[in-house]
């Protein structure tokens, strides 16, 4: 299959096929693929995706995740229980941060492979698939993308001599619900920690919380009770805009 680098080259290929009796264009999220006589002949995706996505193993992983989620959906008789979003994706109590003295020590607790772990805990992927890639750093990006593309729109356009004759849009709402559930599980846990440890938790980001020492033990327990693994980074406030992590690297508090 020919990878096309620009939208202009993609449209040029489509125009070239206008002499053919039939061809189709399949769209999955931002990726578009031209099919001719049952073969995928060319594709285009905006941006510069990682080379890791083009390996056979990467494609296999993305296919396995979707197949696993499909099995889950069928097992649930096409009814995916929804997790309600109770809290936003991020929270920052900037006034509290500015009020604590410089050099104050605090901790960042980050869930390890959070979305992948949540997908397993919710039954969307099986244990064998989960364990195979959970601690594989090489496939961290592919692992996350394999879940994110569940949120993609899928459609297929059919052409005859360059004229579009019909369009089929797949109903992917249940896959979208699965991905939303994964994200909301993470947001809700961090939001709940902040809510219950208001005097100690002054910020969170998607799957990690900023905690003062008095709330550390309880925050760890809440991660454990949720079934998530985590890592802890001991940090120190430098000034109103910056903090230093355990390696002494300066980072922005935003």
C-alpha atoms as a PDB file:
ATOM      1  CA  UNK A   1       0.000   0.000   0.000  1.00  0.00           C
ATOM      2  CA  UNK A   2       1.354   3.400  -1.009  1.00  0.00           C
ATOM      3  CA  UNK A   3       1.587   5.951   1.845  1.00  0.00           C
ATOM      4  CA  UNK A   4       0.648   9.401   0.492  1.00  0.00           C
ATOM      5  CA  UNK A   5       2.202  12.404   2.220  1.00  0.00           C
ATOM      6  CA  UNK A   6      -0.165  15.269   1.345  1.00  0.00           C
ATOM      7  CA  UNK A   7      -3.926  15.726   0.889  1.00  0.00           C
ATOM      8  CA  UNK A   8      -3.159  16.980  -2.627  1.00  0.00           C
ATOM      9  CA  UNK A   9      -1.459  13.713  -3.564  1.00  0.00           C
ATOM     10  CA  UNK A  10      -4.428  11.806  -2.136  1.00  0.00           C
ATOM     11  CA  UNK A  11      -6.906  13.805  -4.219  1.00  0.00           C
ATOM     12  CA  UNK A  12      -4.684  13.360  -7.280  1.00  0.00           C
ATOM     13  CA  UNK A  13      -4.835   9.594  -6.789  1.00  0.00           C
ATOM     14  CA  UNK A  14      -8.637   9.730  -6.459  1.00  0.00           C
ATOM     15  CA  UNK A  15      -8.866  11.780  -9.669  1.00  0.00           C
ATOM     16  CA  UNK A  16      -6.645   9.248 -11.437  1.00  0.00           C
ATOM     17  CA  UNK A  17      -9.102   6.492 -10.463  1.00  0.00           C
ATOM     18  CA  UNK A  18     -12.035   8.319 -12.094  1.00  0.00           C
ATOM     19  CA  UNK A  19     -11.604   6.064 -15.122  1.00  0.00           C
ATOM     20  CA  UNK A  20     -12.282   2.973 -13.011  1.00  0.00           C
ATOM     21  CA  UNK A  21     -15.716   1.424 -12.813  1.00  0.00           C
ATOM     22  CA  UNK A  22     -15.575   1.079  -9.043  1.00  0.00           C
ATOM     23  CA  UNK A  23     -13.370   1.980  -6.086  1.00  0.00           C
ATOM     24  CA  UNK A  24     -13.971   3.068  -2.498  1.00  0.00           C
ATOM     25  CA  UNK A  25     -12.493   5.329   0.160  1.00  0.00           C
ATOM     26  CA  UNK A  26     -12.507   4.185   3.758  1.00  0.00           C
ATOM     27  CA  UNK A  27     -12.139   6.772   6.537  1.00  0.00           C
ATOM     28  CA  UNK A  28     -11.139   5.835  10.080  1.00  0.00           C
ATOM     29  CA  UNK A  29     -10.648   8.928  12.180  1.00  0.00           C
ATOM     30  CA  UNK A  30      -8.104  11.038  10.297  1.00  0.00           C
ATOM     31  CA  UNK A  31      -6.789   8.157   8.163  1.00  0.00           C
ATOM     32  CA  UNK A  32      -8.156   7.638   4.629  1.00  0.00           C
ATOM     33  CA  UNK A  33      -7.552   4.514   2.547  1.00  0.00           C
ATOM     34  CA  UNK A  34      -8.294   3.913  -1.134  1.00  0.00           C
ATOM     35  CA  UNK A  35      -9.550   0.426  -2.019  1.00  0.00           C
ATOM     36  CA  UNK A  36      -9.486  -0.914  -5.566  1.00  0.00           C
ATOM     37  CA  UNK A  37     -10.545  -4.400  -6.636  1.00  0.00           C
ATOM     38  CA  UNK A  38     -10.471  -5.646  -3.065  1.00  0.00           C
ATOM     39  CA  UNK A  39      -6.970  -4.283  -2.415  1.00  0.00           C
ATOM     40  CA  UNK A  40      -5.835  -1.333  -0.297  1.00  0.00           C
ATOM     41  CA  UNK A  41      -3.691   0.612  -2.716  1.00  0.00           C
ATOM     42  CA  UNK A  42      -2.990   3.962  -0.998  1.00  0.00           C
ATOM     43  CA  UNK A  43      -3.508   5.799   2.278  1.00  0.00           C
ATOM     44  CA  UNK A  44      -3.130   9.244   3.779  1.00  0.00           C
ATOM     45  CA  UNK A  45      -2.969  10.404   7.395  1.00  0.00           C
ATOM     46  CA  UNK A  46      -2.335  14.047   8.424  1.00  0.00           C
ATOM     47  CA  UNK A  47       0.777  14.755  10.445  1.00  0.00           C
ATOM     48  CA  UNK A  48       3.762  12.493  10.951  1.00  0.00           C
ATOM     49  CA  UNK A  49       2.691   9.402  12.892  1.00  0.00           C
ATOM     50  CA  UNK A  50       5.307   7.347  14.685  1.00  0.00           C
ATOM     51  CA  UNK A  51       7.116   4.742  12.600  1.00  0.00           C
ATOM     52  CA  UNK A  52       6.194   2.261  15.340  1.00  0.00           C
ATOM     53  CA  UNK A  53       2.588   2.349  14.078  1.00  0.00           C
ATOM     54  CA  UNK A  54       3.608   0.781  10.766  1.00  0.00           C
ATOM     55  CA  UNK A  55       5.060  -2.443  12.190  1.00  0.00           C
ATOM     56  CA  UNK A  56       3.169  -5.715  11.909  1.00  0.00           C
ATOM     57  CA  UNK A  57       3.152  -6.022  15.692  1.00  0.00           C
ATOM     58  CA  UNK A  58       1.593  -2.564  16.064  1.00  0.00           C
ATOM     59  CA  UNK A  59      -1.134  -3.342  13.547  1.00  0.00           C
ATOM     60  CA  UNK A  60      -1.715  -6.672  15.274  1.00  0.00           C
ATOM     61  CA  UNK A  61      -2.078  -4.972  18.660  1.00  0.00           C
ATOM     62  CA  UNK A  62      -4.585  -2.424  17.334  1.00  0.00           C
ATOM     63  CA  UNK A  63      -6.578  -5.221  15.714  1.00  0.00           C
ATOM     64  CA  UNK A  64      -6.511  -7.332  18.873  1.00  0.00           C
ATOM     65  CA  UNK A  65      -7.789  -4.470  21.013  1.00  0.00           C
ATOM     66  CA  UNK A  66     -10.707  -3.759  18.710  1.00  0.00           C
ATOM     67  CA  UNK A  67     -11.535  -7.473  18.445  1.00  0.00           C
ATOM     68  CA  UNK A  68     -11.427  -7.808  22.227  1.00  0.00           C
ATOM     69  CA  UNK A  69     -13.741  -4.830  22.698  1.00  0.00           C
ATOM     70  CA  UNK A  70     -16.090  -6.254  20.062  1.00  0.00           C
ATOM     71  CA  UNK A  71     -16.261  -9.532  22.005  1.00  0.00           C
ATOM     72  CA  UNK A  72     -17.054  -7.564  25.172  1.00  0.00           C
ATOM     73  CA  UNK A  73     -19.852  -5.661  23.419  1.00  0.00           C
ATOM     74  CA  UNK A  74     -21.377  -8.880  22.101  1.00  0.00           C
ATOM     75  CA  UNK A  75     -21.089 -10.527  25.521  1.00  0.00           C
ATOM     76  CA  UNK A  76     -22.988  -7.588  27.015  1.00  0.00           C
ATOM     77  CA  UNK A  77     -25.698  -8.020  24.370  1.00  0.00           C
ATOM     78  CA  UNK A  78     -24.783  -4.667  22.816  1.00  0.00           C
ATOM     79  CA  UNK A  79     -25.413  -2.690  26.001  1.00  0.00           C
ATOM     80  CA  UNK A  80     -22.281  -1.027  27.416  1.00  0.00           C
ATOM     81  CA  UNK A  81     -22.854   0.263  30.977  1.00  0.00           C
ATOM     82  CA  UNK A  82     -21.859   3.929  31.025  1.00  0.00           C
ATOM     83  CA  UNK A  83     -19.511   5.493  33.555  1.00  0.00           C
ATOM     84  CA  UNK A  84     -20.718   9.006  34.246  1.00  0.00           C
ATOM     85  CA  UNK A  85     -18.143  11.772  34.140  1.00  0.00           C
ATOM     86  CA  UNK A  86     -18.238  13.231  37.653  1.00  0.00           C
ATOM     87  CA  UNK A  87     -15.094  15.373  37.532  1.00  0.00           C
ATOM     88  CA  UNK A  88     -13.128  17.330  34.880  1.00  0.00           C
ATOM     89  CA  UNK A  89      -9.948  15.995  33.306  1.00  0.00           C
ATOM     90  CA  UNK A  90      -7.717  18.459  35.226  1.00  0.00           C
ATOM     91  CA  UNK A  91      -7.927  20.528  38.393  1.00  0.00           C
ATOM     92  CA  UNK A  92      -5.611  23.152  39.853  1.00  0.00           C
ATOM     93  CA  UNK A  93      -6.000  25.052  43.111  1.00  0.00           C
ATOM     94  CA  UNK A  94      -3.629  27.823  42.158  1.00  0.00           C
ATOM     95  CA  UNK A  95      -4.395  29.980  45.188  1.00  0.00           C
ATOM     96  CA  UNK A  96      -3.450  27.096  47.473  1.00  0.00           C
ATOM     97  CA  UNK A  97      -0.257  26.467  45.487  1.00  0.00           C
ATOM     98  CA  UNK A  98       0.750  30.097  45.751  1.00  0.00           C
ATOM     99  CA  UNK A  99       0.016  30.107  49.481  1.00  0.00           C
ATOM    100  CA  UNK A 100       2.376  27.258  50.409  1.00  0.00           C
ATOM    101  CA  UNK A 101       6.009  28.237  51.115  1.00  0.00           C
ATOM    102  CA  UNK A 102       8.817  27.717  48.623  1.00  0.00           C
ATOM    103  CA  UNK A 103      10.702  24.442  49.245  1.00  0.00           C
ATOM    104  CA  UNK A 104       7.508  22.730  50.433  1.00  0.00           C
ATOM    105  CA  UNK A 105       7.754  19.017  49.656  1.00  0.00           C
ATOM    106  CA  UNK A 106       4.876  17.260  47.924  1.00  0.00           C
ATOM    107  CA  UNK A 107       4.273  14.087  45.931  1.00  0.00           C
ATOM    108  CA  UNK A 108       2.930  13.268  42.497  1.00  0.00           C
ATOM    109  CA  UNK A 109       1.204   9.902  42.322  1.00  0.00           C
ATOM    110  CA  UNK A 110       0.826   8.734  38.719  1.00  0.00           C
ATOM    111  CA  UNK A 111      -1.150   5.664  37.682  1.00  0.00           C
ATOM    112  CA  UNK A 112       1.025   3.235  35.711  1.00  0.00           C
ATOM    113  CA  UNK A 113      -0.328   2.435  32.224  1.00  0.00           C
ATOM    114  CA  UNK A 114      -3.610   3.846  33.509  1.00  0.00           C
ATOM    115  CA  UNK A 115      -5.885   3.497  30.477  1.00  0.00           C
ATOM    116  CA  UNK A 116      -4.521   0.046  29.629  1.00  0.00           C
ATOM    117  CA  UNK A 117      -5.051  -1.119  33.207  1.00  0.00           C
ATOM    118  CA  UNK A 118      -8.564   0.336  33.336  1.00  0.00           C
ATOM    119  CA  UNK A 119      -9.449  -1.376  30.048  1.00  0.00           C
ATOM    120  CA  UNK A 120      -8.484  -4.667  31.678  1.00  0.00           C
ATOM    121  CA  UNK A 121     -10.284  -3.967  34.962  1.00  0.00           C
ATOM    122  CA  UNK A 122     -13.475  -3.122  33.065  1.00  0.00           C
ATOM    123  CA  UNK A 123     -13.241  -6.325  31.035  1.00  0.00           C
ATOM    124  CA  UNK A 124     -12.656  -4.632  27.676  1.00  0.00           C
ATOM    125  CA  UNK A 125      -9.386  -6.535  27.102  1.00  0.00           C
ATOM    126  CA  UNK A 126      -8.475  -9.956  28.466  1.00  0.00           C
ATOM    127  CA  UNK A 127      -5.688 -10.762  30.902  1.00  0.00           C
ATOM    128  CA  UNK A 128      -3.396 -12.326  28.286  1.00  0.00           C
ATOM    129  CA  UNK A 129      -3.516  -9.238  26.082  1.00  0.00           C
ATOM    130  CA  UNK A 130      -3.174  -6.927  29.074  1.00  0.00           C
ATOM    131  CA  UNK A 131      -0.100  -8.679  30.489  1.00  0.00           C
ATOM    132  CA  UNK A 132       1.632  -8.955  27.107  1.00  0.00           C
ATOM    133  CA  UNK A 133       1.844  -5.179  26.662  1.00  0.00           C
ATOM    134  CA  UNK A 134       1.364  -3.679  30.154  1.00  0.00           C
ATOM    135  CA  UNK A 135       5.055  -3.189  30.925  1.00  0.00           C
ATOM    136  CA  UNK A 136       6.300  -3.056  27.339  1.00  0.00           C
ATOM    137  CA  UNK A 137       7.724   0.461  26.988  1.00  0.00           C
ATOM    138  CA  UNK A 138       8.321  -0.069  23.271  1.00  0.00           C
ATOM    139  CA  UNK A 139       4.570  -0.264  22.676  1.00  0.00           C
ATOM    140  CA  UNK A 140       3.431   2.456  25.079  1.00  0.00           C
ATOM    141  CA  UNK A 141       2.403   4.813  22.268  1.00  0.00           C
ATOM    142  CA  UNK A 142       0.774   2.070  20.202  1.00  0.00           C
ATOM    143  CA  UNK A 143      -1.015   0.761  23.286  1.00  0.00           C
ATOM    144  CA  UNK A 144      -2.587   4.164  23.931  1.00  0.00           C
ATOM    145  CA  UNK A 145      -3.461   4.699  20.280  1.00  0.00           C
ATOM    146  CA  UNK A 146      -5.083   1.264  20.077  1.00  0.00           C
ATOM    147  CA  UNK A 147      -7.545   2.458  22.733  1.00  0.00           C
ATOM    148  CA  UNK A 148      -7.924   6.014  21.413  1.00  0.00           C
ATOM    149  CA  UNK A 149      -8.927   4.861  17.922  1.00  0.00           C
ATOM    150  CA  UNK A 150     -11.993   3.230  19.464  1.00  0.00           C
ATOM    151  CA  UNK A 151     -13.293   6.806  19.420  1.00  0.00           C
ATOM    152  CA  UNK A 152     -12.834   7.113  15.651  1.00  0.00           C
ATOM    153  CA  UNK A 153     -15.594   7.619  13.110  1.00  0.00           C
ATOM    154  CA  UNK A 154     -15.675   4.948  10.416  1.00  0.00           C
ATOM    155  CA  UNK A 155     -17.260   5.439   7.017  1.00  0.00           C
ATOM    156  CA  UNK A 156     -16.899   4.091   3.507  1.00  0.00           C
ATOM    157  CA  UNK A 157     -17.607   6.002   0.289  1.00  0.00           C
ATOM    158  CA  UNK A 158     -18.261   4.087  -2.928  1.00  0.00           C
ATOM    159  CA  UNK A 159     -17.418   5.578  -6.344  1.00  0.00           C
ATOM    160  CA  UNK A 160     -18.172   4.699  -9.944  1.00  0.00           C
ATOM    161  CA  UNK A 161     -16.090   6.432 -12.614  1.00  0.00           C
ATOM    162  CA  UNK A 162     -15.273   9.174 -10.130  1.00  0.00           C
ATOM    163  CA  UNK A 163     -18.845   9.850  -9.009  1.00  0.00           C
ATOM    164  CA  UNK A 164     -19.816   9.016  -5.442  1.00  0.00           C
ATOM    165  CA  UNK A 165     -22.781   6.666  -5.541  1.00  0.00           C
ATOM    166  CA  UNK A 166     -23.278   6.005  -1.834  1.00  0.00           C
ATOM    167  CA  UNK A 167     -21.794   6.396   1.638  1.00  0.00           C
ATOM    168  CA  UNK A 168     -21.995   4.007   4.574  1.00  0.00           C
ATOM    169  CA  UNK A 169     -21.305   5.310   8.097  1.00  0.00           C
ATOM    170  CA  UNK A 170     -20.716   2.722  10.791  1.00  0.00           C
ATOM    171  CA  UNK A 171     -22.445   3.077  14.147  1.00  0.00           C
ATOM    172  CA  UNK A 172     -19.445   3.143  16.501  1.00  0.00           C
ATOM    173  CA  UNK A 173     -21.299   4.584  19.486  1.00  0.00           C
ATOM    174  CA  UNK A 174     -20.624   1.559  21.706  1.00  0.00           C
ATOM    175  CA  UNK A 175     -16.881   1.759  21.005  1.00  0.00           C
ATOM    176  CA  UNK A 176     -17.002   5.471  21.831  1.00  0.00           C
ATOM    177  CA  UNK A 177     -18.729   4.595  25.106  1.00  0.00           C
ATOM    178  CA  UNK A 178     -15.984   2.110  25.982  1.00  0.00           C
ATOM    179  CA  UNK A 179     -13.285   4.736  25.456  1.00  0.00           C
ATOM    180  CA  UNK A 180     -15.256   7.365  27.372  1.00  0.00           C
ATOM    181  CA  UNK A 181     -15.655   4.904  30.249  1.00  0.00           C
ATOM    182  CA  UNK A 182     -11.894   4.360  30.391  1.00  0.00           C
ATOM    183  CA  UNK A 183     -11.201   8.098  30.515  1.00  0.00           C
ATOM    184  CA  UNK A 184     -13.962   8.882  32.984  1.00  0.00           C
ATOM    185  CA  UNK A 185     -12.834   6.116  35.354  1.00  0.00           C
ATOM    186  CA  UNK A 186      -9.472   7.880  35.575  1.00  0.00           C
ATOM    187  CA  UNK A 187     -10.884  11.416  35.855  1.00  0.00           C
ATOM    188  CA  UNK A 188     -13.351  10.341  38.541  1.00  0.00           C
ATOM    189  CA  UNK A 189     -10.691   8.651  40.664  1.00  0.00           C
ATOM    190  CA  UNK A 190      -8.462  11.742  40.640  1.00  0.00           C
ATOM    191  CA  UNK A 191     -11.449  14.002  41.282  1.00  0.00           C
ATOM    192  CA  UNK A 192     -12.596  11.819  44.178  1.00  0.00           C
ATOM    193  CA  UNK A 193      -9.132  11.931  45.731  1.00  0.00           C
ATOM    194  CA  UNK A 194      -9.122  15.716  45.477  1.00  0.00           C
ATOM    195  CA  UNK A 195     -12.634  15.884  46.908  1.00  0.00           C
ATOM    196  CA  UNK A 196     -11.842  13.674  49.899  1.00  0.00           C
ATOM    197  CA  UNK A 197      -8.368  15.071  50.532  1.00  0.00           C
ATOM    198  CA  UNK A 198      -9.113  18.733  49.889  1.00  0.00           C
ATOM    199  CA  UNK A 199      -6.512  19.938  52.401  1.00  0.00           C
ATOM    200  CA  UNK A 200      -3.784  17.778  50.822  1.00  0.00           C
ATOM    201  CA  UNK A 201      -4.615  17.342  47.120  1.00  0.00           C
ATOM    202  CA  UNK A 202      -4.177  20.652  45.312  1.00  0.00           C
ATOM    203  CA  UNK A 203      -4.064  19.484  41.675  1.00  0.00           C
ATOM    204  CA  UNK A 204      -4.550  16.531  39.354  1.00  0.00           C
ATOM    205  CA  UNK A 205      -3.932  15.753  35.684  1.00  0.00           C
ATOM    206  CA  UNK A 206      -5.883  12.950  33.948  1.00  0.00           C
ATOM    207  CA  UNK A 207      -4.345  10.051  35.897  1.00  0.00           C
ATOM    208  CA  UNK A 208      -2.046  11.665  38.460  1.00  0.00           C
ATOM    209  CA  UNK A 209      -2.538  13.687  41.649  1.00  0.00           C
ATOM    210  CA  UNK A 210      -0.436  16.317  43.470  1.00  0.00           C
ATOM    211  CA  UNK A 211      -0.460  15.481  47.180  1.00  0.00           C
ATOM    212  CA  UNK A 212       1.035  16.941  50.354  1.00  0.00           C
ATOM    213  CA  UNK A 213       2.564  14.408  52.726  1.00  0.00           C
ATOM    214  CA  UNK A 214      -0.395  14.228  55.195  1.00  0.00           C
ATOM    215  CA  UNK A 215      -2.638  12.857  52.436  1.00  0.00           C
ATOM    216  CA  UNK A 216      -0.109  10.529  50.816  1.00  0.00           C
ATOM    217  CA  UNK A 217      -1.084   7.281  52.565  1.00  0.00           C
ATOM    218  CA  UNK A 218      -4.788   7.759  51.959  1.00  0.00           C
ATOM    219  CA  UNK A 219      -4.286   8.702  48.300  1.00  0.00           C
ATOM    220  CA  UNK A 220      -2.168   5.568  47.763  1.00  0.00           C
ATOM    221  CA  UNK A 221      -4.914   3.453  49.287  1.00  0.00           C
ATOM    222  CA  UNK A 222      -7.518   4.976  46.984  1.00  0.00           C
ATOM    223  CA  UNK A 223      -5.399   4.054  43.954  1.00  0.00           C
ATOM    224  CA  UNK A 224      -5.006   0.538  45.318  1.00  0.00           C
ATOM    225  CA  UNK A 225      -8.715   0.183  46.096  1.00  0.00           C
ATOM    226  CA  UNK A 226      -9.439   1.176  42.489  1.00  0.00           C
ATOM    227  CA  UNK A 227      -7.135  -1.614  41.298  1.00  0.00           C
ATOM    228  CA  UNK A 228      -4.523   0.725  39.794  1.00  0.00           C
ATOM    229  CA  UNK A 229      -0.758   0.484  40.055  1.00  0.00           C
ATOM    230  CA  UNK A 230       1.187   3.708  40.546  1.00  0.00           C
ATOM    231  CA  UNK A 231       4.546   5.424  40.861  1.00  0.00           C
ATOM    232  CA  UNK A 232       5.386   8.223  43.275  1.00  0.00           C
ATOM    233  CA  UNK A 233       7.664  11.160  42.555  1.00  0.00           C
ATOM    234  CA  UNK A 234       8.828  13.292  45.476  1.00  0.00           C
ATOM    235  CA  UNK A 235       8.932  16.958  44.473  1.00  0.00           C
ATOM    236  CA  UNK A 236       9.545  20.403  45.934  1.00  0.00           C
ATOM    237  CA  UNK A 237       8.053  23.798  45.154  1.00  0.00           C
ATOM    238  CA  UNK A 238      10.624  26.235  43.790  1.00  0.00           C
ATOM    239  CA  UNK A 239       8.456  29.316  43.316  1.00  0.00           C
ATOM    240  CA  UNK A 240       4.948  30.317  42.217  1.00  0.00           C
ATOM    241  CA  UNK A 241       5.497  28.929  38.715  1.00  0.00           C
ATOM    242  CA  UNK A 242       7.938  26.045  39.104  1.00  0.00           C
ATOM    243  CA  UNK A 243       8.744  22.889  41.015  1.00  0.00           C
ATOM    244  CA  UNK A 244      11.580  20.360  40.947  1.00  0.00           C
ATOM    245  CA  UNK A 245      11.004  16.620  40.559  1.00  0.00           C
ATOM    246  CA  UNK A 246      12.926  13.822  42.241  1.00  0.00           C
ATOM    247  CA  UNK A 247      15.721  14.096  39.636  1.00  0.00           C
ATOM    248  CA  UNK A 248      16.106  17.833  40.198  1.00  0.00           C
ATOM    249  CA  UNK A 249      14.519  18.681  36.853  1.00  0.00           C
ATOM    250  CA  UNK A 250      12.682  22.000  36.844  1.00  0.00           C
ATOM    251  CA  UNK A 251       9.041  21.803  35.714  1.00  0.00           C
ATOM    252  CA  UNK A 252       6.214  24.278  35.257  1.00  0.00           C
ATOM    253  CA  UNK A 253       3.240  24.161  37.569  1.00  0.00           C
ATOM    254  CA  UNK A 254       0.333  24.864  35.221  1.00  0.00           C
END
